[in-house]
C-alpha atoms as a PDB file:
ATOM      1  CA  MET A   1     133.832 337.823  92.489  1.00  0.00           C
ATOM      2  CA  LYS A   2     137.799 337.659  93.088  1.00  0.00           C
ATOM      3  CA  GLU A   3     137.697 333.476  92.434  1.00  0.00           C
ATOM      4  CA  ARG A   4     135.955 333.580  89.271  1.00  0.00           C
ATOM      5  CA  PHE A   5     138.586 336.605  88.136  1.00  0.00           C
ATOM      6  CA  ALA A   6     141.268 334.400  89.129  1.00  0.00           C
ATOM      7  CA  VAL A   7     140.053 331.439  87.483  1.00  0.00           C
ATOM      8  CA  ILE A   8     139.724 333.605  84.011  1.00  0.00           C
ATOM      9  CA  ALA A   9     143.326 334.797  84.689  1.00  0.00           C
ATOM     10  CA  ARG A  10     144.983 331.776  85.263  1.00  0.00           C
ATOM     11  CA  TYR A  11     143.114 330.438  81.942  1.00  0.00           C
ATOM     12  CA  GLN A  12     144.090 332.911  79.987  1.00  0.00           C
ATOM     13  CA  VAL A  13     147.922 332.548  81.194  1.00  0.00           C
ATOM     14  CA  SER A  14     147.682 328.984  80.311  1.00  0.00           C
ATOM     15  CA  MET A  15     146.624 329.517  77.289  1.00  0.00           C
ATOM     16  CA  THR A  16     148.847 332.512  76.080  1.00  0.00           C
ATOM     17  CA  LYS A  17     151.863 330.145  77.629  1.00  0.00           C
ATOM     18  CA  GLU A  18     150.534 327.513  75.265  1.00  0.00           C
ATOM     19  CA  LYS A  19     150.368 329.565  72.225  1.00  0.00           C
ATOM     20  CA  VAL A  20     153.635 330.799  72.809  1.00  0.00           C
ATOM     21  CA  LYS A  21     155.223 327.160  72.613  1.00  0.00           C
ATOM     22  CA  PHE A  22     153.301 325.925  69.801  1.00  0.00           C
ATOM     23  CA  PHE A  23     154.286 328.695  67.516  1.00  0.00           C
ATOM     24  CA  LEU A  24     158.044 328.677  69.066  1.00  0.00           C
ATOM     25  CA  GLY A  25     157.680 324.767  68.133  1.00  0.00           C
ATOM     26  CA  LEU A  26     155.881 325.310  64.643  1.00  0.00           C
ATOM     27  CA  GLY A  27     158.887 328.297  63.848  1.00  0.00           C
ATOM     28  CA  LEU A  28     161.671 325.781  64.925  1.00  0.00           C
ATOM     29  CA  LEU A  29     160.350 322.958  62.959  1.00  0.00           C
ATOM     30  CA  ILE A  30     159.798 325.417  59.731  1.00  0.00           C
ATOM     31  CA  PHE A  31     163.584 326.878  60.232  1.00  0.00           C
ATOM     32  CA  LEU A  32     164.853 322.954  60.379  1.00  0.00           C
ATOM     33  CA  LEU A  33     163.246 322.539  57.078  1.00  0.00           C
ATOM     34  CA  TYR A  34     164.856 325.662  55.651  1.00  0.00           C
ATOM     35  CA  VAL A  35     167.968 324.681  56.566  1.00  0.00           C
ATOM     36  CA  SER A  36     167.725 321.256  55.263  1.00  0.00           C
ATOM     37  CA  VAL A  37     166.184 321.863  51.740  1.00  0.00           C
ATOM     38  CA  LEU A  38     167.968 324.944  50.764  1.00  0.00           C
ATOM     39  CA  ARG A  39     171.659 324.185  52.480  1.00  0.00           C
ATOM     40  CA  GLN A  40     172.506 322.593  48.737  1.00  0.00           C
ATOM     41  CA  GLN A  41     170.579 325.221  46.882  1.00  0.00           C
ATOM     42  CA  GLN A  42     172.425 328.675  45.547  1.00  0.00           C
ATOM     43  CA  VAL A  43     170.737 331.287  47.792  1.00  0.00           C
ATOM     44  CA  SER A  44     171.829 334.264  48.609  1.00  0.00           C
ATOM     45  CA  SER A  45     171.885 336.172  52.021  1.00  0.00           C
ATOM     46  CA  TYR A  46     169.132 338.821  50.584  1.00  0.00           C
ATOM     47  CA  GLU A  47     166.866 335.859  49.512  1.00  0.00           C
ATOM     48  CA  TYR A  48     167.051 334.237  53.000  1.00  0.00           C
ATOM     49  CA  VAL A  49     166.097 337.624  54.857  1.00  0.00           C
ATOM     50  CA  ILE A  50     163.172 337.990  52.634  1.00  0.00           C
ATOM     51  CA  LEU A  51     162.155 334.298  53.024  1.00  0.00           C
ATOM     52  CA  LEU A  52     162.691 334.678  56.968  1.00  0.00           C
ATOM     53  CA  SER A  53     160.830 337.996  57.170  1.00  0.00           C
ATOM     54  CA  LEU A  54     157.795 336.399  54.919  1.00  0.00           C
ATOM     55  CA  THR A  55     157.521 333.581  57.521  1.00  0.00           C
ATOM     56  CA  ILE A  56     157.637 335.595  60.543  1.00  0.00           C
ATOM     57  CA  ALA A  57     154.840 337.492  59.120  1.00  0.00           C
ATOM     58  CA  ALA A  58     152.655 334.607  58.717  1.00  0.00           C
ATOM     59  CA  LEU A  59     153.424 332.889  62.215  1.00  0.00           C
ATOM     60  CA  ILE A  60     152.426 336.362  63.728  1.00  0.00           C
ATOM     61  CA  PHE A  61     149.392 336.523  61.933  1.00  0.00           C
ATOM     62  CA  ASP A  62     148.500 333.054  62.072  1.00  0.00           C
ATOM     63  CA  PHE A  63     149.306 333.340  66.219  1.00  0.00           C
ATOM     64  CA  ARG A  64     146.597 336.502  65.714  1.00  0.00           C
ATOM     65  CA  LYS A  65     143.920 334.572  64.138  1.00  0.00           C
ATOM     66  CA  VAL A  66     144.447 331.569  66.698  1.00  0.00           C
ATOM     67  CA  SER A  67     144.196 334.122  69.667  1.00  0.00           C
ATOM     68  CA  GLN A  68     140.828 335.241  67.835  1.00  0.00           C
ATOM     69  CA  PHE A  69     139.509 331.555  67.528  1.00  0.00           C
ATOM     70  CA  LEU A  70     140.191 330.772  71.247  1.00  0.00           C
ATOM     71  CA  ALA A  71     138.938 333.552  72.445  1.00  0.00           C
ATOM     72  CA  LEU A  72     135.633 333.058  70.473  1.00  0.00           C
ATOM     73  CA  THR A  73     135.213 329.874  71.195  1.00  0.00           C
ATOM     74  CA  GLU A  74     135.481 330.428  75.010  1.00  0.00           C
ATOM     75  CA  GLU A  75     132.940 333.479  74.385  1.00  0.00           C
ATOM     76  CA  HIS A  76     130.349 330.825  72.879  1.00  0.00           C
ATOM     77  CA  GLY A  77     131.194 328.228  75.216  1.00  0.00           C
ATOM     78  CA  GLN A  78     130.326 330.067  78.061  1.00  0.00           C
ATOM     79  CA  ALA A  79     126.770 331.163  76.277  1.00  0.00           C
ATOM     80  CA  LYS A  80     125.804 327.531  76.858  1.00  0.00           C
ATOM     81  CA  CYS A  81     126.452 326.488  72.960  1.00  0.00           C
ATOM     82  CA  SER A  82     127.434 323.006  72.525  1.00  0.00           C
ATOM     83  CA  HIS A  83     131.393 322.569  72.040  1.00  0.00           C
ATOM     84  CA  GLU A  84     130.947 321.588  68.717  1.00  0.00           C
ATOM     85  CA  LEU A  85     128.575 324.497  67.617  1.00  0.00           C
ATOM     86  CA  ALA A  86     130.808 327.261  69.551  1.00  0.00           C
ATOM     87  CA  THR A  87     133.939 325.667  67.566  1.00  0.00           C
ATOM     88  CA  GLN A  88     131.844 326.024  64.089  1.00  0.00           C
ATOM     89  CA  LYS A  89     130.745 329.442  65.246  1.00  0.00           C
ATOM     90  CA  ALA A  90     134.261 330.272  66.071  1.00  0.00           C
ATOM     91  CA  LEU A  91     135.828 329.273  62.765  1.00  0.00           C
ATOM     92  CA  GLU A  92     133.456 330.790  60.512  1.00  0.00           C
ATOM     93  CA  THR A  93     133.737 334.123  62.216  1.00  0.00           C
ATOM     94  CA  THR A  94     137.485 333.879  61.972  1.00  0.00           C
ATOM     95  CA  LEU A  95     137.904 332.708  59.040  1.00  0.00           C
ATOM     96  CA  LYS A  96     134.904 334.710  57.001  1.00  0.00           C
ATOM     97  CA  SER A  97     134.765 332.637  54.217  1.00  0.00           C
ATOM     98  CA  PRO A  98     132.788 329.359  54.289  1.00  0.00           C
ATOM     99  CA  LEU A  99     135.151 327.897  51.489  1.00  0.00           C
ATOM    100  CA  LEU A 100     137.934 328.343  53.534  1.00  0.00           C
ATOM    101  CA  VAL A 101     135.761 326.755  56.182  1.00  0.00           C
ATOM    102  CA  LYS A 102     135.135 323.640  54.465  1.00  0.00           C
ATOM    103  CA  LEU A 103     138.612 323.145  53.372  1.00  0.00           C
ATOM    104  CA  LEU A 104     140.964 324.045  56.754  1.00  0.00           C
ATOM    105  CA  ARG A 105     138.243 322.867  58.894  1.00  0.00           C
ATOM    106  CA  THR A 106     139.838 319.402  59.596  1.00  0.00           C
ATOM    107  CA  GLU A 107     143.442 320.739  60.153  1.00  0.00           C
ATOM    108  CA  LEU A 108     142.284 323.622  62.252  1.00  0.00           C
ATOM    109  CA  LEU A 109     140.150 321.422  64.626  1.00  0.00           C
ATOM    110  CA  THR A 110     142.915 318.962  64.835  1.00  0.00           C
ATOM    111  CA  LEU A 111     145.335 321.337  65.663  1.00  0.00           C
ATOM    112  CA  TYR A 112     142.896 323.183  68.125  1.00  0.00           C
ATOM    113  CA  TYR A 113     141.657 319.344  70.324  1.00  0.00           C
ATOM    114  CA  ALA A 114     145.610 318.608  70.206  1.00  0.00           C
ATOM    115  CA  PHE A 115     146.985 321.424  71.538  1.00  0.00           C
ATOM    116  CA  PHE A 116     144.423 324.168  73.230  1.00  0.00           C
ATOM    117  CA  ALA A 117     141.261 322.407  73.866  1.00  0.00           C
ATOM    118  CA  SER A 118     142.439 320.982  77.454  1.00  0.00           C
ATOM    119  CA  PHE A 119     142.723 324.110  78.503  1.00  0.00           C
ATOM    120  CA  GLU A 120     139.132 325.067  78.029  1.00  0.00           C
ATOM    121  CA  ARG A 121     136.965 326.089  80.729  1.00  0.00           C
ATOM    122  CA  SER A 122     133.725 325.786  79.821  1.00  0.00           C
ATOM    123  CA  GLY A 123     134.002 321.869  78.587  1.00  0.00           C
ATOM    124  CA  VAL A 124     131.284 319.521  77.965  1.00  0.00           C
ATOM    125  CA  ILE A 125     127.722 320.461  79.178  1.00  0.00           C
ATOM    126  CA  ALA A 126     126.968 316.969  81.045  1.00  0.00           C
ATOM    127  CA  LYS A 127     122.958 316.433  80.079  1.00  0.00           C
ATOM    128  CA  GLN A 128     120.821 313.481  80.377  1.00  0.00           C
ATOM    129  CA  THR A 129     120.937 313.413  76.334  1.00  0.00           C
ATOM    130  CA  GLN A 130     124.344 313.284  75.789  1.00  0.00           C
ATOM    131  CA  PHE A 131     126.434 310.012  75.676  1.00  0.00           C
ATOM    132  CA  GLY A 132     130.137 309.998  76.498  1.00  0.00           C
ATOM    133  CA  TYR A 133     132.128 307.208  74.210  1.00  0.00           C
ATOM    134  CA  ALA A 134     135.933 308.537  76.000  1.00  0.00           C
ATOM    135  CA  LYS A 135     136.941 305.576  77.963  1.00  0.00           C
ATOM    136  CA  SER A 136     134.997 303.320  75.102  1.00  0.00           C
ATOM    137  CA  SER A 137     136.760 304.672  72.398  1.00  0.00           C
ATOM    138  CA  ASN A 138     140.026 303.883  73.783  1.00  0.00           C
ATOM    139  CA  ALA A 139     141.508 307.226  72.482  1.00  0.00           C
ATOM    140  CA  HIS A 140     144.565 307.405  74.741  1.00  0.00           C
ATOM    141  CA  ASP A 141     145.672 304.008  74.282  1.00  0.00           C
ATOM    142  CA  VAL A 142     145.874 304.612  70.439  1.00  0.00           C
ATOM    143  CA  PHE A 143     147.766 307.435  70.329  1.00  0.00           C
ATOM    144  CA  LEU A 144     150.574 305.844  72.894  1.00  0.00           C
ATOM    145  CA  PHE A 145     150.549 303.058  70.395  1.00  0.00           C
ATOM    146  CA  VAL A 146     150.956 305.346  67.375  1.00  0.00           C
ATOM    147  CA  ALA A 147     153.499 307.812  69.062  1.00  0.00           C
ATOM    148  CA  ILE A 148     155.514 305.310  71.022  1.00  0.00           C
ATOM    149  CA  SER A 149     155.477 302.766  67.352  1.00  0.00           C
ATOM    150  CA  GLN A 150     156.793 306.145  65.234  1.00  0.00           C
ATOM    151  CA  LEU A 151     158.428 308.761  67.302  1.00  0.00           C
ATOM    152  CA  PRO A 152     161.260 306.774  68.064  1.00  0.00           C
ATOM    153  CA  PHE A 153     162.412 305.947  64.938  1.00  0.00           C
ATOM    154  CA  LEU A 154     161.572 309.146  63.044  1.00  0.00           C
ATOM    155  CA  PRO A 155     165.140 310.776  63.339  1.00  0.00           C
ATOM    156  CA  PHE A 156     166.866 307.914  62.193  1.00  0.00           C
ATOM    157  CA  ILE A 157     164.150 306.965  59.122  1.00  0.00           C
ATOM    158  CA  HIS A 158     164.562 311.268  58.262  1.00  0.00           C
ATOM    159  CA  VAL A 159     168.481 310.832  58.230  1.00  0.00           C
ATOM    160  CA  ILE A 160     168.503 307.623  56.056  1.00  0.00           C
ATOM    161  CA  LEU A 161     166.197 309.185  53.704  1.00  0.00           C
ATOM    162  CA  GLU A 162     167.662 312.382  53.169  1.00  0.00           C
ATOM    163  CA  TYR A 163     171.010 310.904  52.654  1.00  0.00           C
ATOM    164  CA  LYS A 164     169.646 308.384  50.077  1.00  0.00           C
ATOM    165  CA  LYS A 165     166.642 310.447  48.880  1.00  0.00           C
ATOM    166  CA  GLY A 166     167.338 313.969  49.563  1.00  0.00           C
ATOM    167  CA  PRO A 167     165.717 316.310  51.853  1.00  0.00           C
ATOM    168  CA  ALA A 168     162.576 316.600  50.177  1.00  0.00           C
ATOM    169  CA  ALA A 169     161.586 313.355  50.451  1.00  0.00           C
ATOM    170  CA  ALA A 170     162.699 313.106  53.855  1.00  0.00           C
ATOM    171  CA  TRP A 171     160.312 316.087  55.025  1.00  0.00           C
ATOM    172  CA  VAL A 172     157.331 314.350  53.115  1.00  0.00           C
ATOM    173  CA  ILE A 173     157.553 311.603  54.919  1.00  0.00           C
ATOM    174  CA  THR A 174     158.534 313.117  58.768  1.00  0.00           C
ATOM    175  CA  LEU A 175     155.677 315.891  58.426  1.00  0.00           C
ATOM    176  CA  LEU A 176     153.151 313.100  57.614  1.00  0.00           C
ATOM    177  CA  THR A 177     154.303 310.910  60.283  1.00  0.00           C
ATOM    178  CA  LEU A 178     154.214 313.988  62.877  1.00  0.00           C
ATOM    179  CA  TRP A 179     150.835 314.585  61.459  1.00  0.00           C
ATOM    180  CA  SER A 180     149.467 311.462  62.098  1.00  0.00           C
ATOM    181  CA  VAL A 181     150.696 311.591  66.003  1.00  0.00           C
ATOM    182  CA  VAL A 182     149.323 315.109  66.201  1.00  0.00           C
ATOM    183  CA  TRP A 183     145.762 313.497  64.634  1.00  0.00           C
ATOM    184  CA  PHE A 184     145.864 310.686  66.889  1.00  0.00           C
ATOM    185  CA  LEU A 185     146.489 313.109  70.060  1.00  0.00           C
ATOM    186  CA  ALA A 186     143.486 315.615  68.624  1.00  0.00           C
ATOM    187  CA  GLN A 187     141.527 312.508  69.276  1.00  0.00           C
ATOM    188  CA  VAL A 188     142.223 311.779  72.989  1.00  0.00           C
ATOM    189  CA  GLU A 189     140.378 315.140  73.253  1.00  0.00           C
ATOM    190  CA  ALA A 190     137.902 315.325  70.747  1.00  0.00           C
ATOM    191  CA  VAL A 191     136.400 312.007  72.344  1.00  0.00           C
ATOM    192  CA  LYS A 192     135.880 314.038  75.353  1.00  0.00           C
ATOM    193  CA  PHE A 193     134.257 317.498  73.999  1.00  0.00           C
ATOM    194  CA  ARG A 194     132.148 315.795  71.150  1.00  0.00           C
ATOM    195  CA  PRO A 195     129.492 313.407  72.645  1.00  0.00           C
ATOM    196  CA  ILE A 196     126.706 311.651  71.187  1.00  0.00           C
ATOM    197  CA  GLU A 197     123.317 313.563  71.344  1.00  0.00           C
ATOM    198  CA  LEU A 198     119.834 312.267  71.995  1.00  0.00           C
ATOM    199  CA  SER A 199     116.949 314.479  71.068  1.00  0.00           C
ATOM    200  CA  ASN A 200     113.655 313.667  70.502  1.00  0.00           C
ATOM    201  CA  ASP A 201     113.574 313.124  66.943  1.00  0.00           C
ATOM    202  CA  HIS A 202     117.301 313.115  65.973  1.00  0.00           C
ATOM    203  CA  LEU A 203     120.230 310.900  66.981  1.00  0.00           C
ATOM    204  CA  LYS A 204     123.266 312.793  66.562  1.00  0.00           C
ATOM    205  CA  TYR A 205     126.395 310.133  66.136  1.00  0.00           C
ATOM    206  CA  ARG A 206     129.430 311.478  66.779  1.00  0.00           C
ATOM    207  CA  PHE A 207     133.141 309.979  67.385  1.00  0.00           C
ATOM    208  CA  GLY A 208     135.872 312.351  68.019  1.00  0.00           C
ATOM    209  CA  LEU A 209     136.892 314.062  64.669  1.00  0.00           C
ATOM    210  CA  SER A 210     136.334 311.078  62.650  1.00  0.00           C
ATOM    211  CA  TRP A 211     132.814 310.309  62.053  1.00  0.00           C
ATOM    212  CA  ALA A 212     129.322 312.327  62.202  1.00  0.00           C
ATOM    213  CA  ALA A 213     126.303 311.598  61.130  1.00  0.00           C
ATOM    214  CA  ASP A 214     122.935 313.087  61.822  1.00  0.00           C
ATOM    215  CA  ILE A 215     120.277 310.181  62.107  1.00  0.00           C
ATOM    216  CA  PRO A 216     116.321 310.642  62.314  1.00  0.00           C
ATOM    217  CA  LEU A 217     114.914 308.318  65.151  1.00  0.00           C
ATOM    218  CA  GLY A 218     111.997 307.389  62.641  1.00  0.00           C
ATOM    219  CA  LYS A 219     114.682 305.862  60.329  1.00  0.00           C
ATOM    220  CA  ILE A 220     115.851 303.283  63.280  1.00  0.00           C
ATOM    221  CA  LYS A 221     114.938 300.202  63.070  1.00  0.00           C
ATOM    222  CA  LEU A 222     116.255 298.698  65.834  1.00  0.00           C
ATOM    223  CA  ALA A 223     119.152 299.374  68.701  1.00  0.00           C
ATOM    224  CA  ARG A 224     120.267 296.495  70.109  1.00  0.00           C
ATOM    225  CA  SER A 225     123.607 295.404  72.506  1.00  0.00           C
ATOM    226  CA  VAL A 226     126.530 293.716  70.804  1.00  0.00           C
ATOM    227  CA  ALA A 227     126.141 289.927  71.410  1.00  0.00           C
ATOM    228  CA  VAL A 228     129.350 288.094  72.932  1.00  0.00           C
ATOM    229  CA  GLY A 229     131.663 286.887  70.171  1.00  0.00           C
ATOM    230  CA  GLU A 230     129.560 288.435  67.662  1.00  0.00           C
ATOM    231  CA  PRO A 231     131.786 289.296  64.877  1.00  0.00           C
ATOM    232  CA  LEU A 232     131.812 292.694  63.408  1.00  0.00           C
ATOM    233  CA  ARG A 233     132.939 293.175  60.009  1.00  0.00           C
ATOM    234  CA  GLY A 234     133.592 296.496  58.540  1.00  0.00           C
ATOM    235  CA  ASN A 235     132.400 295.606  54.702  1.00  0.00           C
ATOM    236  CA  ASP A 236     128.926 294.740  56.583  1.00  0.00           C
ATOM    237  CA  LEU A 237     128.044 297.554  58.654  1.00  0.00           C
ATOM    238  CA  PHE A 238     129.809 301.034  59.850  1.00  0.00           C
ATOM    239  CA  LEU A 239     131.978 300.390  62.858  1.00  0.00           C
ATOM    240  CA  SER A 240     133.103 303.028  65.179  1.00  0.00           C
ATOM    241  CA  PRO A 241     136.876 303.764  64.441  1.00  0.00           C
ATOM    242  CA  MET A 242     139.959 301.317  65.368  1.00  0.00           C
ATOM    243  CA  GLY A 243     140.405 300.599  68.715  1.00  0.00           C
ATOM    244  CA  SER A 244     137.446 301.524  70.094  1.00  0.00           C
ATOM    245  CA  THR A 245     134.734 298.798  71.949  1.00  0.00           C
ATOM    246  CA  LYS A 246     131.959 298.574  69.874  1.00  0.00           C
ATOM    247  CA  ASN A 247     129.011 297.501  72.236  1.00  0.00           C
ATOM    248  CA  VAL A 248     125.673 298.947  70.478  1.00  0.00           C
ATOM    249  CA  ILE A 249     124.366 297.323  67.306  1.00  0.00           C
ATOM    250  CA  VAL A 250     121.940 300.473  65.562  1.00  0.00           C
ATOM    251  CA  GLU A 251     120.156 299.058  62.342  1.00  0.00           C
ATOM    252  CA  PHE A 252     117.863 301.506  59.588  1.00  0.00           C
ATOM    253  CA  GLU A 253     115.281 301.471  57.920  1.00  0.00           C
ATOM    254  CA  ALA A 254     117.460 302.837  54.768  1.00  0.00           C
ATOM    255  CA  PRO A 255     120.930 303.470  54.549  1.00  0.00           C
ATOM    256  CA  ILE A 256     122.641 306.197  56.576  1.00  0.00           C
ATOM    257  CA  ARG A 257     125.329 308.931  55.186  1.00  0.00           C
ATOM    258  CA  PHE A 258     128.402 309.069  57.922  1.00  0.00           C
ATOM    259  CA  SER A 259     130.734 312.078  56.845  1.00  0.00           C
ATOM    260  CA  GLY A 260     134.373 311.503  57.490  1.00  0.00           C
ATOM    261  CA  PRO A 261     137.480 313.725  57.578  1.00  0.00           C
ATOM    262  CA  TYR A 262     138.620 314.789  54.280  1.00  0.00           C
ATOM    263  CA  PHE A 263     135.390 314.383  52.627  1.00  0.00           C
ATOM    264  CA  MET A 264     134.912 310.903  53.330  1.00  0.00           C
ATOM    265  CA  LYS A 265     131.729 309.219  53.181  1.00  0.00           C
ATOM    266  CA  ARG A 266     129.865 305.740  53.642  1.00  0.00           C
ATOM    267  CA  CYS A 267     126.246 304.800  53.650  1.00  0.00           C
ATOM    268  CA  GLU A 268     125.441 301.839  55.627  1.00  0.00           C
ATOM    269  CA  ARG A 269     122.226 300.149  56.903  1.00  0.00           C
ATOM    270  CA  LYS A 270     123.847 299.155  59.895  1.00  0.00           C
ATOM    271  CA  ALA A 271     126.296 300.454  62.529  1.00  0.00           C
ATOM    272  CA  ALA A 272     128.142 299.304  65.348  1.00  0.00           C
ATOM    273  CA  ILE A 273     129.095 302.202  67.731  1.00  0.00           C
ATOM    274  CA  SER A 274     131.031 302.498  71.064  1.00  0.00           C
ATOM    275  CA  LEU A 275     129.533 303.946  74.351  1.00  0.00           C
ATOM    276  CA  ASP A 276     130.402 304.431  77.701  1.00  0.00           C
ATOM    277  CA  ASN A 277     127.294 303.486  78.921  1.00  0.00           C
ATOM    278  CA  PRO A 278     125.136 301.565  76.847  1.00  0.00           C
ATOM    279  CA  SER A 279     122.309 300.671  78.716  1.00  0.00           C
ATOM    280  CA  VAL A 280     121.492 304.231  79.547  1.00  0.00           C
ATOM    281  CA  PHE A 281     121.712 305.032  75.934  1.00  0.00           C
ATOM    282  CA  LEU A 282     119.463 301.950  75.050  1.00  0.00           C
ATOM    283  CA  ARG A 283     116.641 303.283  77.669  1.00  0.00           C
ATOM    284  CA  GLU A 284     116.800 306.725  76.393  1.00  0.00           C
ATOM    285  CA  LEU A 285     116.003 304.874  72.844  1.00  0.00           C
ATOM    286  CA  ALA A 286     113.246 303.138  74.187  1.00  0.00           C
ATOM    287  CA  GLN A 287     111.887 306.087  75.731  1.00  0.00           C
ATOM    288  CA  ARG A 288     111.484 307.924  72.620  1.00  0.00           C
ATOM    289  CA  GLY A 289     109.722 304.647  70.774  1.00  0.00           C
ATOM    290  CA  VAL A 290     112.872 303.331  69.040  1.00  0.00           C
ATOM    291  CA  ALA A 291     112.772 299.492  69.119  1.00  0.00           C
ATOM    292  CA  THR A 292     115.289 297.698  70.956  1.00  0.00           C
ATOM    293  CA  ASP A 293     116.315 294.224  72.078  1.00  0.00           C
ATOM    294  CA  SER A 294     115.468 292.099  75.365  1.00  0.00           C
ATOM    295  CA  MET A 295     118.392 294.537  77.406  1.00  0.00           C
ATOM    296  CA  GLN A 296     115.179 296.640  78.299  1.00  0.00           C
ATOM    297  CA  SER A 297     114.017 293.941  80.096  1.00  0.00           C
ATOM    298  CA  ALA A 298     116.874 293.762  82.718  1.00  0.00           C
ATOM    299  CA  ILE A 299     117.097 297.603  82.873  1.00  0.00           C
ATOM    300  CA  GLY A 300     113.178 298.474  83.201  1.00  0.00           C
ATOM    301  CA  PRO A 301     110.523 299.543  81.043  1.00  0.00           C
ATOM    302  CA  PRO A 302     110.169 303.519  80.263  1.00  0.00           C
ATOM    303  CA  SER A 303     107.707 305.207  82.476  1.00  0.00           C
ATOM    304  CA  ILE A 304     104.348 306.137  80.700  1.00  0.00           C
ATOM    305  CA  ASP A 305     105.198 309.607  81.311  1.00  0.00           C
ATOM    306  CA  ALA A 306     108.486 309.610  79.583  1.00  0.00           C
ATOM    307  CA  ARG A 307     107.676 307.618  76.627  1.00  0.00           C
ATOM    308  CA  ILE A 308     107.508 309.810  72.945  1.00  0.00           C
ATOM    309  CA  PRO A 309     105.838 308.382  69.918  1.00  0.00           C
ATOM    310  CA  ARG A 310     108.417 307.271  67.587  1.00  0.00           C
ATOM    311  CA  ILE A 311     108.585 309.724  64.415  1.00  0.00           C
ATOM    312  CA  LYS A 312     108.583 308.748  60.898  1.00  0.00           C
END
């Protein structure tokens, strides 16, 4: 019991420190933006005080809301909810408005996975029907590439743009660049917490915060491994995001809709997806009556007891 309380205490201390660091960094960024944009304006001391007061009040409000969201996510996670469901329930309870959840979901989850998810104690519940893709996603390598190629040059670009185009243009480019880096940082954790899941009648495809689709098994015509040297073109099929190792192709009886961030949609008859253990994934599909390629002969046929009739 004492050990359990010690773990909970360490978790709470870590989360509190991370929240303080996050909001101090956010406050510093806002302060620099104010100084840069308003220094050329005729702003009185009184107006500065009002602006800073409103900003501090907003940061305190956001701090309380973030604390509530993190506590609810942990609570639902301990109740054995999937991590995706836990975060969705926490968002709905915290924001209280379905419209706000729909509009802000991508941004809030991006910040959550980028700065807080690594401290979560619940993590992903390992099940036979969950399939990871963190390694094959190469999300960490993609993040390093994006960060190294952009961050070292960002201060110089900002100064040049502010001198030539003004502070507003400079800050737009700076904030968009920082957001892109935060997005790829969030993907590093999101690919660990949002596995692909397989039930008796559905395949729940996930790739971090990028794409998702709930696919009835009855609509899968064939699942097979990617052949060596097989060309994969995005105009012919849905591809798992940039940088990932595509090793399984799933063909559908009819176009399947894939939902992405910022209301993006794609409908395709085939998908090339990434999995850390594709042979096990194909075997589990075969056990549910889905047609798979000759790879099944290498991994052995499914047992009769495990076979589940294909649902159409």
